Amino acid sequence: MRGTLTTIAILAAAALAYPLSCAVRPYRDCWVCKGSGHHRATGNRKLSRPCRWCRATGKRLRLGRRAWNRARRIHRDAT
């Protein structure tokens, strides 16, 4: 019983902490270019091209922030 309550408390804290962290830091480093904005060609260290996943910015919206923006857009369009 005690372990179950602890698990529920930890999950509740995580459920509250993730949206808060998405509000504070909505962007994360791109997983393809690792934040540089350029994707290196395989086998050649000197060749690089702009990263198409982050559009050469090096940053991408986090999943939670993307969901929040979509929910706000749906709400705004409905009212």
Protein backbone atom coordinates (compact mmCIF):
# COMPACT_ATOMS: atom_id res chain seq x y z
CA MET A 1 0.00 0.00 0.00
CA ARG A 2 2.76 2.42 0.91
CA GLY A 3 4.69 1.66 -2.29
CA THR A 4 1.59 2.30 -4.38
CA LEU A 5 1.03 5.71 -2.80
CA THR A 6 4.66 6.62 -3.35
CA THR A 7 4.45 5.60 -6.99
CA ILE A 8 1.28 7.64 -7.48
CA ALA A 9 2.90 10.66 -5.82
CA ILE A 10 5.97 10.40 -8.06
CA LEU A 11 3.83 10.09 -11.20
CA ALA A 12 1.70 13.05 -10.14
CA ALA A 13 4.81 15.16 -9.55
CA ALA A 14 6.18 14.20 -12.96
CA ALA A 15 2.84 14.98 -14.60
CA LEU A 16 2.99 18.48 -13.12
CA ALA A 17 6.70 19.07 -13.68
CA TYR A 18 6.82 18.25 -17.41
CA PRO A 19 4.26 20.87 -18.54
CA LEU A 20 5.98 23.42 -16.34
CA SER A 21 9.35 22.62 -17.89
CA CYS A 22 7.80 22.86 -21.37
CA ALA A 23 6.49 26.32 -20.51
CA VAL A 24 9.87 27.48 -19.21
CA ARG A 25 12.00 25.87 -21.92
CA PRO A 26 9.84 25.17 -24.99
CA TYR A 27 12.76 24.33 -27.29
CA ARG A 28 15.29 21.53 -27.14
CA ASP A 29 18.34 20.73 -29.22
CA CYS A 30 17.68 18.99 -32.51
CA TRP A 31 18.37 15.27 -32.28
CA VAL A 32 19.79 15.05 -35.81
CA CYS A 33 22.34 17.88 -35.79
CA LYS A 34 22.70 17.98 -31.98
CA GLY A 35 22.01 21.71 -31.89
CA SER A 36 24.53 22.82 -34.50
CA GLY A 37 22.04 23.44 -37.32
CA HIS A 38 24.14 21.46 -39.79
CA HIS A 39 23.97 17.77 -40.55
CA ARG A 40 27.30 16.16 -41.31
CA ALA A 41 27.60 13.78 -44.22
CA THR A 42 28.47 10.22 -43.30
CA GLY A 43 32.06 9.28 -43.98
CA ASN A 44 33.26 12.84 -44.64
CA ARG A 45 33.81 15.15 -41.70
CA LYS A 46 34.20 18.32 -43.76
CA LEU A 47 30.97 18.12 -45.73
CA SER A 48 27.87 19.39 -44.03
CA ARG A 49 24.49 20.68 -45.10
CA PRO A 50 21.73 22.56 -43.31
CA CYS A 51 19.67 20.27 -41.11
CA ARG A 52 16.25 19.70 -42.61
CA TRP A 53 14.66 18.61 -39.34
CA CYS A 54 15.23 21.88 -37.49
CA ARG A 55 15.56 24.07 -40.61
CA ALA A 56 19.14 24.96 -39.66
CA THR A 57 18.18 26.57 -36.34
CA GLY A 58 19.49 23.80 -34.11
CA LYS A 59 16.31 23.89 -31.99
CA ARG A 60 13.02 22.00 -32.11
CA LEU A 61 9.79 22.39 -30.16
CA ARG A 62 9.35 19.86 -27.40
CA LEU A 63 6.50 17.39 -27.68
CA GLY A 64 4.59 18.81 -24.71
CA ARG A 65 4.83 22.36 -26.03
CA ARG A 66 3.68 21.21 -29.46
CA ALA A 67 0.62 19.58 -27.87
CA TRP A 68 -0.08 22.72 -25.82
CA ASN A 69 0.13 24.94 -28.92
CA ARG A 70 -2.23 22.65 -30.82
CA ALA A 71 -4.76 22.62 -27.97
CA ARG A 72 -4.65 26.41 -27.75
CA ARG A 73 -5.10 26.73 -31.51
CA ILE A 74 -8.12 24.40 -31.46
CA HIS A 75 -9.64 26.33 -28.57
CA ARG A 76 -8.99 29.69 -30.24
CA ASP A 77 -10.53 28.56 -33.54
CA ALA A 78 -13.60 27.14 -31.78
CA THR A 79 -14.43 30.35 -29.94
